[in-house]
Amino acid sequence: MSPSLIVTGIVVALIIVIMLKSIALIPQGEAAVIERLGKYTHTVSGGLTLLVPFIDRIRAKVDIREQVVSFPPQAVITKDNLTVAIDTVVTFQINDAAAAIYGVNDYLVGVEQVSTATLRDVVGGMMLEDTLTSRETINQRLRGELDTATTNWGLRIARVELKAIDPPPSIQKSMELQMRAEREKRAMILTAEGQRESDIRTAEGEKQSKILSAEGEKHARILAAEAERQAEILRAEGSRAAAYIEAQGKAKAIMKVSAAIRSSQITPEVLAYQYLETLPELAKGDANKTWMIPTQFGDSLQQFARSMGSADSDGVFRFEPAPVDEETKKLATEDEEEHWLQSSATEEIAEAVAQANAEAAKTVDQAAPTNSLGQ
């Protein structure tokens, strides 16, 4: 191989090396700290970067995305001298890559140590029960302390979470017993409350039922009394109407009988005949063994004829009946349907009774002379 070829190869190789040393590719989400002759110059991220060969170099690359770091459990003593194991999760982001490289030897170890110290300081002033129930307070205090401590390291603490708080096994057992007793107590209280509410609702339902039953019985009795009162009123009105109608019928019958007698102009001979015709009927009974005819019956007829009649040409006293007016004849012979027999109201009955009384009074007035003659 000729010397010229060797020189050419060396030059080409040197050019390649110089090109590789002068170009750097930084991925997105990372930042590179650039030093020149061992001194920090600038920070680059996300793209192609040109370097001075053999003078500039990349000191370190850091991830500038938000990082989540979980630290192992830390033994922490509470205010009541109980040891608990607490797991923490810290979420942070590098804002200044140069400060993260030059400000602390290892920022992850620094964050862990600061979080442990801060956690012991915060939890050490709290009781175990407060520690278990005050996670949010502990998280806020841890975040504030860490954010203040790591500001010079170019870090921003986003969140601090307590992943687990594990008390000692004996305390856990006591807590389980306490929680079980608390649950049983709460269950008994809820059961008692439910039973009380059920009893109250049952009593209220029975009360409403009795009230409704009493109201219904009251209304039923009122309706029954009202119905009985109406029935009594209707029965009384019916009895009164029946009495009116019966009295009206009797008065009408008497009027018709009286009118019929006056219209027929019955003589003493007819009365005597009727009397003699009725006598045999008196003897038809099984208990009648003996019957007698009054001996003074003929004398009575003779005296009646002398007082009521006048002697004719042959010397015989004959009875002359009084003349009958047309109204009496009409009353004796009429046979149309009587309105008072169909009376359905008190007013009609009263009107019919009044009319019957007027007619009866008129008939009595007309018959008065005849009665005085007979006396």
Protein backbone atom coordinates (compact mmCIF):
# COMPACT_ATOMS: atom_id res chain seq x y z
CA MET A 1 0.00 0.00 0.00
CA SER A 2 1.34 3.36 -1.04
CA PRO A 3 1.91 6.09 1.54
CA SER A 4 -0.55 8.38 -0.21
CA LEU A 5 -3.37 5.92 0.25
CA ILE A 6 -2.51 5.55 3.90
CA VAL A 7 -2.54 9.28 4.42
CA THR A 8 -5.84 9.58 2.56
CA GLY A 9 -7.43 6.94 4.77
CA ILE A 10 -6.21 8.63 7.91
CA VAL A 11 -7.59 11.97 6.73
CA VAL A 12 -10.98 10.42 5.89
CA ALA A 13 -11.14 8.71 9.25
CA LEU A 14 -10.24 11.91 11.01
CA ILE A 15 -12.93 13.78 9.12
CA ILE A 16 -15.51 11.17 10.12
CA VAL A 17 -14.49 11.36 13.76
CA ILE A 18 -14.62 15.16 13.70
CA MET A 19 -18.11 15.04 12.17
CA LEU A 20 -19.31 12.59 14.80
CA LYS A 21 -17.88 14.75 17.56
CA SER A 22 -19.49 17.92 16.16
CA ILE A 23 -23.05 16.59 15.88
CA ALA A 24 -25.31 15.47 18.78
CA LEU A 25 -28.95 14.32 18.55
CA ILE A 26 -31.04 15.03 21.68
CA PRO A 27 -34.40 13.13 21.84
CA GLN A 28 -37.65 14.91 22.69
CA GLY A 29 -38.32 14.92 26.44
CA GLU A 30 -34.62 14.98 27.36
CA ALA A 31 -32.19 17.79 28.06
CA ALA A 32 -28.41 17.74 27.64
CA VAL A 33 -25.93 19.80 29.66
CA ILE A 34 -23.09 21.05 27.37
CA GLU A 35 -19.62 21.79 28.74
CA ARG A 36 -16.79 23.48 26.93
CA LEU A 37 -13.36 22.64 28.17
CA GLY A 38 -14.97 21.33 31.38
CA LYS A 39 -17.13 24.41 32.01
CA TYR A 40 -20.93 24.60 31.68
CA THR A 41 -22.02 26.63 28.67
CA HIS A 42 -25.66 25.87 27.89
CA THR A 43 -28.46 23.29 27.92
CA VAL A 44 -30.06 21.88 24.80
CA SER A 45 -33.14 19.67 24.31
CA GLY A 46 -35.17 18.04 21.58
CA GLY A 47 -33.23 18.28 18.32
CA LEU A 48 -29.91 18.27 16.46
CA THR A 49 -27.06 20.11 18.24
CA LEU A 50 -23.68 21.18 16.80
CA LEU A 51 -20.62 20.87 19.02
CA VAL A 52 -17.03 22.05 18.73
CA PRO A 53 -15.09 18.83 18.25
CA PHE A 54 -12.80 17.86 21.10
CA ILE A 55 -13.73 21.10 22.94
CA ASP A 56 -17.47 20.72 23.69
CA ARG A 57 -18.95 17.64 25.30
CA ILE A 58 -22.25 16.48 26.73
CA ARG A 59 -21.89 16.26 30.49
CA ALA A 60 -25.19 14.46 31.12
CA LYS A 61 -28.65 13.89 29.77
CA VAL A 62 -31.67 14.22 32.08
CA ASP A 63 -35.32 13.32 31.61
CA ILE A 64 -37.38 16.52 31.80
CA ARG A 65 -40.72 14.72 31.77
CA GLU A 66 -42.80 14.39 34.95
CA GLN A 67 -41.45 11.44 36.90
CA VAL A 68 -43.17 9.24 39.49
CA VAL A 69 -40.88 7.68 42.09
CA SER A 70 -42.04 5.22 44.75
CA PHE A 71 -39.80 4.93 47.80
CA PRO A 72 -39.61 1.84 50.03
CA PRO A 73 -41.48 1.83 53.39
CA GLN A 74 -40.01 4.09 56.03
CA ALA A 75 -40.28 3.33 59.76
CA VAL A 76 -41.74 6.39 61.46
CA ILE A 77 -42.51 6.83 65.18
CA THR A 78 -45.72 8.64 66.00
CA LYS A 79 -46.34 10.98 68.93
CA ASP A 80 -47.80 8.11 71.00
CA ASN A 81 -44.57 6.07 70.50
CA LEU A 82 -45.95 3.63 67.91
CA THR A 83 -43.88 2.62 64.91
CA VAL A 84 -45.65 2.68 61.56
CA ALA A 85 -44.33 1.84 58.09
CA ILE A 86 -45.23 4.47 55.50
CA ASP A 87 -44.82 4.15 51.73
CA THR A 88 -44.57 7.41 49.81
CA VAL A 89 -44.96 8.25 46.13
CA VAL A 90 -43.41 11.50 44.86
CA THR A 91 -44.23 13.05 41.51
CA PHE A 92 -41.69 15.66 40.31
CA GLN A 93 -40.32 17.30 37.17
CA ILE A 94 -36.87 18.76 36.34
CA ASN A 95 -37.20 22.39 35.35
CA ASP A 96 -33.47 23.22 35.35
CA ALA A 97 -31.23 20.42 34.07
CA ALA A 98 -28.00 22.25 34.95
CA ALA A 99 -29.15 22.74 38.58
CA ALA A 100 -30.13 19.06 38.80
CA ILE A 101 -26.62 18.07 37.60
CA TYR A 102 -24.51 20.62 39.42
CA GLY A 103 -26.72 21.34 42.45
CA VAL A 104 -26.83 17.82 43.94
CA ASN A 105 -24.85 14.66 43.46
CA ASP A 106 -27.95 12.49 42.86
CA TYR A 107 -31.31 14.26 42.87
CA LEU A 108 -33.27 10.99 43.28
CA VAL A 109 -31.38 10.10 46.47
CA GLY A 110 -31.78 13.68 47.61
CA VAL A 111 -35.55 13.61 47.08
CA GLU A 112 -35.79 10.31 48.97
CA GLN A 113 -33.79 11.53 51.93
CA VAL A 114 -35.61 14.84 52.17
CA SER A 115 -39.04 13.12 51.93
CA THR A 116 -38.05 10.65 54.67
CA ALA A 117 -36.84 13.38 57.00
CA THR A 118 -39.89 15.54 56.34
CA LEU A 119 -42.22 12.57 56.81
CA ARG A 120 -40.68 11.72 60.19
CA ASP A 121 -40.95 15.34 61.27
CA VAL A 122 -44.62 15.61 60.26
CA VAL A 123 -45.80 12.22 61.53
CA GLY A 124 -43.73 12.46 64.70
CA GLY A 125 -45.97 15.27 65.94
CA MET A 126 -49.22 13.37 65.34
CA MET A 127 -51.04 10.55 67.11
CA LEU A 128 -51.56 7.26 65.31
CA GLU A 129 -55.27 7.84 64.87
CA ASP A 130 -54.62 11.30 63.47
CA THR A 131 -52.00 9.85 61.13
CA LEU A 132 -54.49 7.35 59.76
CA THR A 133 -57.21 9.96 59.26
CA SER A 134 -55.10 12.94 58.10
CA ARG A 135 -53.53 11.75 54.87
CA GLU A 136 -54.45 14.91 53.00
CA THR A 137 -52.82 17.12 55.62
CA ILE A 138 -49.65 15.03 55.59
CA ASN A 139 -49.54 15.10 51.79
CA GLN A 140 -49.80 18.88 51.66
CA ARG A 141 -47.08 19.40 54.30
CA LEU A 142 -44.74 16.92 52.60
CA ARG A 143 -45.23 18.58 49.23
CA GLY A 144 -44.55 22.04 50.66
CA GLU A 145 -41.38 20.94 52.49
CA LEU A 146 -40.02 19.00 49.52
CA ASP A 147 -40.80 21.77 47.07
CA THR A 148 -38.90 24.28 49.22
CA ALA A 149 -35.92 21.93 49.73
CA THR A 150 -35.56 20.93 46.06
CA THR A 151 -35.97 24.37 44.48
CA ASN A 152 -32.15 24.82 44.35
CA TRP A 153 -31.90 21.45 42.57
CA GLY A 154 -34.06 22.59 39.66
CA LEU A 155 -36.93 20.29 40.64
CA ARG A 156 -40.66 20.99 40.92
CA ILE A 157 -42.60 18.72 43.27
CA ALA A 158 -46.05 18.10 41.73
CA ARG A 159 -47.62 15.70 44.25
CA VAL A 160 -46.74 13.63 47.30
CA GLU A 161 -48.97 10.71 48.19
CA LEU A 162 -48.91 8.30 51.13
CA LYS A 163 -49.42 4.95 49.47
CA ALA A 164 -49.75 2.91 52.65
CA ILE A 165 -49.61 3.38 56.41
CA ASP A 166 -49.03 0.07 58.18
CA PRO A 167 -49.19 0.09 62.00
CA PRO A 168 -47.69 -2.80 64.03
CA PRO A 169 -49.53 -6.16 63.92
CA SER A 170 -50.70 -5.84 67.53
CA ILE A 171 -52.09 -2.41 66.81
CA GLN A 172 -53.70 -3.69 63.63
CA LYS A 173 -55.42 -6.45 65.60
CA SER A 174 -56.64 -3.96 68.21
CA MET A 175 -57.83 -1.65 65.47
CA GLU A 176 -59.67 -4.51 63.80
CA LEU A 177 -61.36 -5.38 67.09
CA GLN A 178 -62.23 -1.73 67.64
CA MET A 179 -63.55 -1.37 64.11
CA ARG A 180 -65.56 -4.57 64.51
CA ALA A 181 -67.01 -3.34 67.79
CA GLU A 182 -67.76 0.02 66.19
CA ARG A 183 -69.50 -1.64 63.26
CA GLU A 184 -71.50 -3.90 65.60
CA LYS A 185 -72.43 -0.85 67.67
CA ARG A 186 -73.47 1.03 64.54
CA ALA A 187 -75.43 -1.99 63.33
CA MET A 188 -77.23 -2.29 66.68
CA ILE A 189 -77.98 1.44 66.64
CA LEU A 190 -79.30 1.21 63.11
CA THR A 191 -81.36 -1.87 64.02
CA ALA A 192 -82.79 -0.10 67.06
CA GLU A 193 -83.51 2.99 64.99
CA GLY A 194 -85.20 0.86 62.36
CA GLN A 195 -87.26 -0.98 64.97
CA ARG A 196 -88.22 2.31 66.60
CA GLU A 197 -89.20 3.79 63.24
CA SER A 198 -91.15 0.63 62.44
CA ASP A 199 -92.97 0.74 65.81
CA ILE A 200 -93.74 4.43 65.32
CA ARG A 201 -95.08 3.85 61.84
CA THR A 202 -97.07 0.81 63.01
CA ALA A 203 -98.56 2.77 65.91
CA GLU A 204 -99.31 5.67 63.59
CA GLY A 205 -101.00 3.29 61.16
CA GLU A 206 -103.06 1.71 63.93
CA LYS A 207 -103.98 5.18 65.18
CA GLN A 208 -105.09 6.28 61.74
CA SER A 209 -106.96 3.00 61.30
CA LYS A 210 -108.80 3.46 64.60
CA ILE A 211 -109.58 7.07 63.77
CA LEU A 212 -110.94 6.09 60.36
CA SER A 213 -112.88 3.19 61.90
CA ALA A 214 -114.36 5.50 64.56
CA GLU A 215 -115.21 8.08 61.91
CA GLY A 216 -116.84 5.39 59.77
CA GLU A 217 -118.81 4.01 62.73
CA LYS A 218 -119.84 7.55 63.69
CA HIS A 219 -121.07 8.28 60.18
CA ALA A 220 -122.80 4.90 60.05
CA ARG A 221 -124.62 5.60 63.32
CA ILE A 222 -125.55 9.08 62.14
CA LEU A 223 -126.90 7.67 58.89
CA ALA A 224 -128.75 4.88 60.73
CA ALA A 225 -130.28 7.40 63.16
CA GLU A 226 -131.22 9.68 60.27
CA ALA A 227 -132.74 6.74 58.41
CA GLU A 228 -134.66 5.65 61.54
CA ARG A 229 -135.86 9.23 62.04
CA GLN A 230 -137.02 9.43 58.43
CA ALA A 231 -138.69 6.03 58.78
CA GLU A 232 -140.49 7.12 61.96
CA ILE A 233 -141.57 10.33 60.24
CA LEU A 234 -142.83 8.38 57.22
CA ARG A 235 -144.62 5.86 59.46
CA ALA A 236 -146.20 8.68 61.45
CA GLU A 237 -147.26 10.43 58.26
CA GLY A 238 -148.61 7.12 56.95
CA SER A 239 -150.56 6.50 60.17
CA ARG A 240 -151.90 10.03 60.11
CA ALA A 241 -152.84 9.71 56.45
CA ALA A 242 -154.50 6.35 57.15
CA ALA A 243 -156.46 7.86 60.06
CA TYR A 244 -157.52 10.78 57.88
CA ILE A 245 -158.57 8.47 55.07
CA GLU A 246 -160.39 6.12 57.50
CA ALA A 247 -162.22 9.03 59.10
CA GLN A 248 -163.02 10.47 55.70
CA GLY A 249 -164.31 7.09 54.52
CA LYS A 250 -166.48 6.67 57.60
CA ALA A 251 -167.85 10.18 57.19
CA LYS A 252 -168.50 9.56 53.53
CA ALA A 253 -170.19 6.22 54.28
CA ILE A 254 -172.41 7.81 56.95
CA MET A 255 -173.33 10.59 54.54
CA LYS A 256 -174.19 8.14 51.79
CA VAL A 257 -176.22 5.92 54.17
CA SER A 258 -178.08 8.95 55.50
CA ALA A 259 -178.69 10.26 51.99
CA ALA A 260 -179.83 6.84 50.83
CA ILE A 261 -182.29 6.55 53.74
CA ARG A 262 -183.71 9.98 53.11
CA SER A 263 -183.93 9.34 49.36
CA SER A 264 -185.71 6.01 49.80
CA GLN A 265 -188.42 7.70 52.02
CA ILE A 266 -188.82 4.67 54.31
CA THR A 267 -192.21 4.46 56.13
CA PRO A 268 -192.91 2.97 59.59
CA GLU A 269 -194.49 -0.03 57.88
CA VAL A 270 -191.21 -0.80 56.12
CA LEU A 271 -189.30 -0.45 59.38
CA ALA A 272 -191.73 -2.83 61.06
CA TYR A 273 -191.37 -5.27 58.22
CA GLN A 274 -187.60 -5.11 58.43
CA TYR A 275 -187.79 -5.64 62.17
CA LEU A 276 -189.96 -8.71 61.80
CA GLU A 277 -187.77 -10.04 59.03
CA THR A 278 -184.68 -9.70 61.23
CA LEU A 279 -186.14 -11.46 64.26
CA PRO A 280 -185.75 -15.02 62.82
CA GLU A 281 -182.10 -14.34 62.18
CA LEU A 282 -181.63 -13.83 65.90
CA ALA A 283 -182.76 -17.40 66.57
CA LYS A 284 -180.37 -19.11 64.12
CA GLY A 285 -177.49 -19.25 66.58
CA ASP A 286 -176.68 -22.57 68.29
CA ALA A 287 -176.65 -20.88 71.69
CA ASN A 288 -180.11 -19.33 71.22
CA LYS A 289 -182.73 -21.62 72.87
CA THR A 290 -185.54 -19.15 73.55
CA TRP A 291 -186.47 -15.82 71.88
CA MET A 292 -189.29 -13.41 72.69
CA ILE A 293 -191.14 -10.68 70.80
CA PRO A 294 -191.96 -7.55 72.81
CA THR A 295 -195.69 -7.14 73.32
CA GLN A 296 -195.45 -3.40 73.18
CA PHE A 297 -194.06 -3.43 69.64
CA GLY A 298 -197.52 -2.83 68.03
CA ASP A 299 -198.32 -0.06 70.50
CA SER A 300 -195.01 1.58 69.70
CA LEU A 301 -195.72 1.51 65.98
CA GLN A 302 -199.18 2.94 66.54
CA GLN A 303 -197.84 5.80 68.66
CA PHE A 304 -195.09 6.48 66.10
CA ALA A 305 -197.64 6.60 63.26
CA ARG A 306 -199.94 8.94 65.23
CA SER A 307 -197.07 11.30 66.05
CA MET A 308 -195.39 11.30 62.66
CA GLY A 309 -198.38 10.78 60.33
CA SER A 310 -201.87 12.13 59.65
CA ALA A 311 -205.29 10.41 59.38
CA ASP A 312 -206.67 9.84 55.92
CA SER A 313 -210.32 9.61 54.87
CA ASP A 314 -210.81 6.12 56.29
CA GLY A 315 -209.31 7.11 59.69
CA VAL A 316 -205.93 5.35 59.25
CA PHE A 317 -202.81 7.27 60.27
CA ARG A 318 -200.24 7.20 57.49
CA PHE A 319 -196.64 8.53 57.57
CA GLU A 320 -195.77 11.10 54.94
CA PRO A 321 -191.97 11.31 54.40
CA ALA A 322 -190.35 14.70 53.87
CA PRO A 323 -189.48 15.71 50.35
CA VAL A 324 -185.91 14.90 49.17
CA ASP A 325 -183.85 17.59 47.47
CA GLU A 326 -181.76 16.95 44.36
CA GLU A 327 -178.40 17.19 46.11
CA THR A 328 -179.36 14.42 48.54
CA LYS A 329 -180.53 12.22 45.68
CA LYS A 330 -177.30 12.83 43.79
CA LEU A 331 -175.25 12.00 46.89
CA ALA A 332 -177.22 8.77 47.40
CA THR A 333 -176.93 7.64 43.79
CA GLU A 334 -173.43 8.82 42.72
CA ASP A 335 -170.88 6.05 42.18
CA GLU A 336 -167.81 7.70 40.58
CA GLU A 337 -164.25 7.08 41.74
CA GLU A 338 -163.55 9.10 44.85
CA HIS A 339 -160.41 11.25 44.80
CA TRP A 340 -159.94 11.03 48.58
CA LEU A 341 -159.33 7.27 48.28
CA GLN A 342 -156.17 8.01 46.23
CA SER A 343 -154.75 10.72 48.47
CA SER A 344 -150.94 10.65 48.62
CA ALA A 345 -150.07 13.86 50.42
CA THR A 346 -151.00 15.52 53.70
CA GLU A 347 -152.33 18.64 52.01
CA GLU A 348 -154.72 16.61 49.82
CA ILE A 349 -155.87 14.63 52.88
CA ALA A 350 -156.46 17.79 54.85
CA GLU A 351 -158.39 19.30 51.94
CA ALA A 352 -160.48 16.15 51.53
CA VAL A 353 -161.19 15.99 55.28
CA ALA A 354 -162.23 19.63 55.30
CA GLN A 355 -164.54 19.08 52.33
CA ALA A 356 -166.05 15.98 53.96
CA ASN A 357 -166.63 17.85 57.21
CA ALA A 358 -168.36 20.67 55.32
CA GLU A 359 -170.61 18.25 53.47
CA ALA A 360 -171.41 16.40 56.72
CA ALA A 361 -172.31 19.67 58.45
CA LYS A 362 -174.51 20.68 55.53
CA THR A 363 -176.31 17.31 55.59
CA VAL A 364 -176.87 17.57 59.34
CA ASP A 365 -178.33 21.05 58.91
CA GLN A 366 -180.71 19.76 56.22
CA ALA A 367 -181.85 16.81 58.34
CA ALA A 368 -182.45 18.85 61.47
CA PRO A 369 -186.25 19.50 60.89
CA THR A 370 -186.99 15.84 60.33
CA ASN A 371 -185.20 14.86 63.54
CA SER A 372 -187.14 17.42 65.52
CA LEU A 373 -190.39 16.12 64.09
CA GLY A 374 -189.53 12.61 65.10
CA GLN A 375 -188.84 13.76 68.65
